[in-house]
């Protein structure tokens, strides 16, 4: 038996699922892939956002990792 890790990005107001990624590893890349898919879904492109976008998450290791938080800042998101 193996574990899988699922990262979801959901609009808290509309409850719309914007992005997700399923992985056999629980690494930050799983959360980053879900976040990038959500940005493409919401804004149609991947890059720095022009309107306010608050990203809420639990305090799990993948969401507090250096690589994840660095990309959050690069994209202009607030965490």
C-alpha atoms as a PDB file:
ATOM      1  CA  UNK A   1       0.000   0.000   0.000  1.00  0.00           C
ATOM      2  CA  UNK A   2       1.156   3.494  -0.820  1.00  0.00           C
ATOM      3  CA  UNK A   3       0.024   6.910   0.307  1.00  0.00           C
ATOM      4  CA  UNK A   4      -1.012   9.658  -2.063  1.00  0.00           C
ATOM      5  CA  UNK A   5      -1.066  13.380  -1.423  1.00  0.00           C
ATOM      6  CA  UNK A   6      -3.839  15.608  -2.765  1.00  0.00           C
ATOM      7  CA  UNK A   7      -3.554  19.393  -2.857  1.00  0.00           C
ATOM      8  CA  UNK A   8      -6.671  21.437  -3.659  1.00  0.00           C
ATOM      9  CA  UNK A   9      -7.172  25.136  -4.334  1.00  0.00           C
ATOM     10  CA  UNK A  10     -10.740  26.256  -3.820  1.00  0.00           C
ATOM     11  CA  UNK A  11     -12.464  29.620  -3.962  1.00  0.00           C
ATOM     12  CA  UNK A  12     -13.758  30.006  -0.402  1.00  0.00           C
ATOM     13  CA  UNK A  13     -16.587  32.313  -1.501  1.00  0.00           C
ATOM     14  CA  UNK A  14     -18.051  30.315  -4.406  1.00  0.00           C
ATOM     15  CA  UNK A  15     -16.657  26.916  -3.319  1.00  0.00           C
ATOM     16  CA  UNK A  16     -15.405  26.459  -6.895  1.00  0.00           C
ATOM     17  CA  UNK A  17     -12.475  24.068  -7.267  1.00  0.00           C
ATOM     18  CA  UNK A  18      -9.815  26.044  -9.137  1.00  0.00           C
ATOM     19  CA  UNK A  19      -6.883  23.647  -9.106  1.00  0.00           C
ATOM     20  CA  UNK A  20      -5.762  20.281  -7.820  1.00  0.00           C
ATOM     21  CA  UNK A  21      -2.817  17.923  -7.999  1.00  0.00           C
ATOM     22  CA  UNK A  22      -2.488  14.307  -6.878  1.00  0.00           C
ATOM     23  CA  UNK A  23       0.976  12.959  -6.173  1.00  0.00           C
ATOM     24  CA  UNK A  24       2.688   9.996  -4.561  1.00  0.00           C
ATOM     25  CA  UNK A  25       4.983  12.401  -2.750  1.00  0.00           C
ATOM     26  CA  UNK A  26       3.992  14.963  -0.178  1.00  0.00           C
ATOM     27  CA  UNK A  27       6.468  17.519  -1.486  1.00  0.00           C
ATOM     28  CA  UNK A  28       5.954  21.238  -2.047  1.00  0.00           C
ATOM     29  CA  UNK A  29       5.739  20.639  -5.800  1.00  0.00           C
ATOM     30  CA  UNK A  30       2.346  19.002  -5.239  1.00  0.00           C
ATOM     31  CA  UNK A  31       0.934  22.175  -3.681  1.00  0.00           C
ATOM     32  CA  UNK A  32       2.709  24.373  -6.222  1.00  0.00           C
ATOM     33  CA  UNK A  33       1.195  22.470  -9.137  1.00  0.00           C
ATOM     34  CA  UNK A  34      -2.295  22.880  -7.695  1.00  0.00           C
ATOM     35  CA  UNK A  35      -1.691  26.605  -7.132  1.00  0.00           C
ATOM     36  CA  UNK A  36      -0.431  27.110 -10.687  1.00  0.00           C
ATOM     37  CA  UNK A  37      -3.437  25.295 -12.136  1.00  0.00           C
ATOM     38  CA  UNK A  38      -5.710  27.525 -10.022  1.00  0.00           C
ATOM     39  CA  UNK A  39      -4.028  30.695 -11.302  1.00  0.00           C
ATOM     40  CA  UNK A  40      -4.470  29.556 -14.896  1.00  0.00           C
ATOM     41  CA  UNK A  41      -8.119  28.702 -14.212  1.00  0.00           C
ATOM     42  CA  UNK A  42      -8.836  32.044 -12.502  1.00  0.00           C
ATOM     43  CA  UNK A  43      -6.723  34.438 -14.610  1.00  0.00           C
ATOM     44  CA  UNK A  44      -6.123  32.523 -17.854  1.00  0.00           C
ATOM     45  CA  UNK A  45      -2.364  32.772 -17.532  1.00  0.00           C
ATOM     46  CA  UNK A  46       0.473  31.946 -15.214  1.00  0.00           C
ATOM     47  CA  UNK A  47       2.376  34.892 -13.821  1.00  0.00           C
ATOM     48  CA  UNK A  48       2.097  37.806 -11.446  1.00  0.00           C
ATOM     49  CA  UNK A  49      -1.539  38.565 -10.632  1.00  0.00           C
ATOM     50  CA  UNK A  50      -2.873  42.107 -10.999  1.00  0.00           C
ATOM     51  CA  UNK A  51      -5.789  41.874  -8.617  1.00  0.00           C
ATOM     52  CA  UNK A  52      -5.753  40.895  -4.933  1.00  0.00           C
ATOM     53  CA  UNK A  53      -5.641  37.141  -4.389  1.00  0.00           C
ATOM     54  CA  UNK A  54      -5.466  35.755  -0.866  1.00  0.00           C
ATOM     55  CA  UNK A  55      -4.192  32.205  -0.596  1.00  0.00           C
ATOM     56  CA  UNK A  56      -5.256  30.470   2.611  1.00  0.00           C
ATOM     57  CA  UNK A  57      -3.869  27.110   3.619  1.00  0.00           C
ATOM     58  CA  UNK A  58      -3.207  24.968   6.600  1.00  0.00           C
ATOM     59  CA  UNK A  59       0.222  25.164   8.179  1.00  0.00           C
ATOM     60  CA  UNK A  60       1.431  21.924   6.667  1.00  0.00           C
ATOM     61  CA  UNK A  61       5.054  21.596   5.629  1.00  0.00           C
ATOM     62  CA  UNK A  62       4.352  21.914   1.893  1.00  0.00           C
ATOM     63  CA  UNK A  63       2.545  25.246   2.385  1.00  0.00           C
ATOM     64  CA  UNK A  64       5.256  26.742   4.587  1.00  0.00           C
ATOM     65  CA  UNK A  65       8.251  25.503   2.608  1.00  0.00           C
ATOM     66  CA  UNK A  66      10.698  28.036   1.215  1.00  0.00           C
ATOM     67  CA  UNK A  67       9.994  27.077  -2.390  1.00  0.00           C
ATOM     68  CA  UNK A  68       6.209  27.418  -1.981  1.00  0.00           C
ATOM     69  CA  UNK A  69       6.293  30.745  -0.108  1.00  0.00           C
ATOM     70  CA  UNK A  70       8.863  32.163  -2.545  1.00  0.00           C
ATOM     71  CA  UNK A  71       6.588  31.454  -5.510  1.00  0.00           C
ATOM     72  CA  UNK A  72       3.613  32.892  -3.622  1.00  0.00           C
ATOM     73  CA  UNK A  73       5.504  36.200  -3.371  1.00  0.00           C
ATOM     74  CA  UNK A  74       6.700  36.061  -6.992  1.00  0.00           C
ATOM     75  CA  UNK A  75       3.105  35.646  -8.222  1.00  0.00           C
ATOM     76  CA  UNK A  76       1.999  38.590  -6.072  1.00  0.00           C
ATOM     77  CA  UNK A  77      -0.263  36.530  -3.829  1.00  0.00           C
ATOM     78  CA  UNK A  78      -0.882  37.027  -0.123  1.00  0.00           C
ATOM     79  CA  UNK A  79      -0.644  34.018   2.131  1.00  0.00           C
END
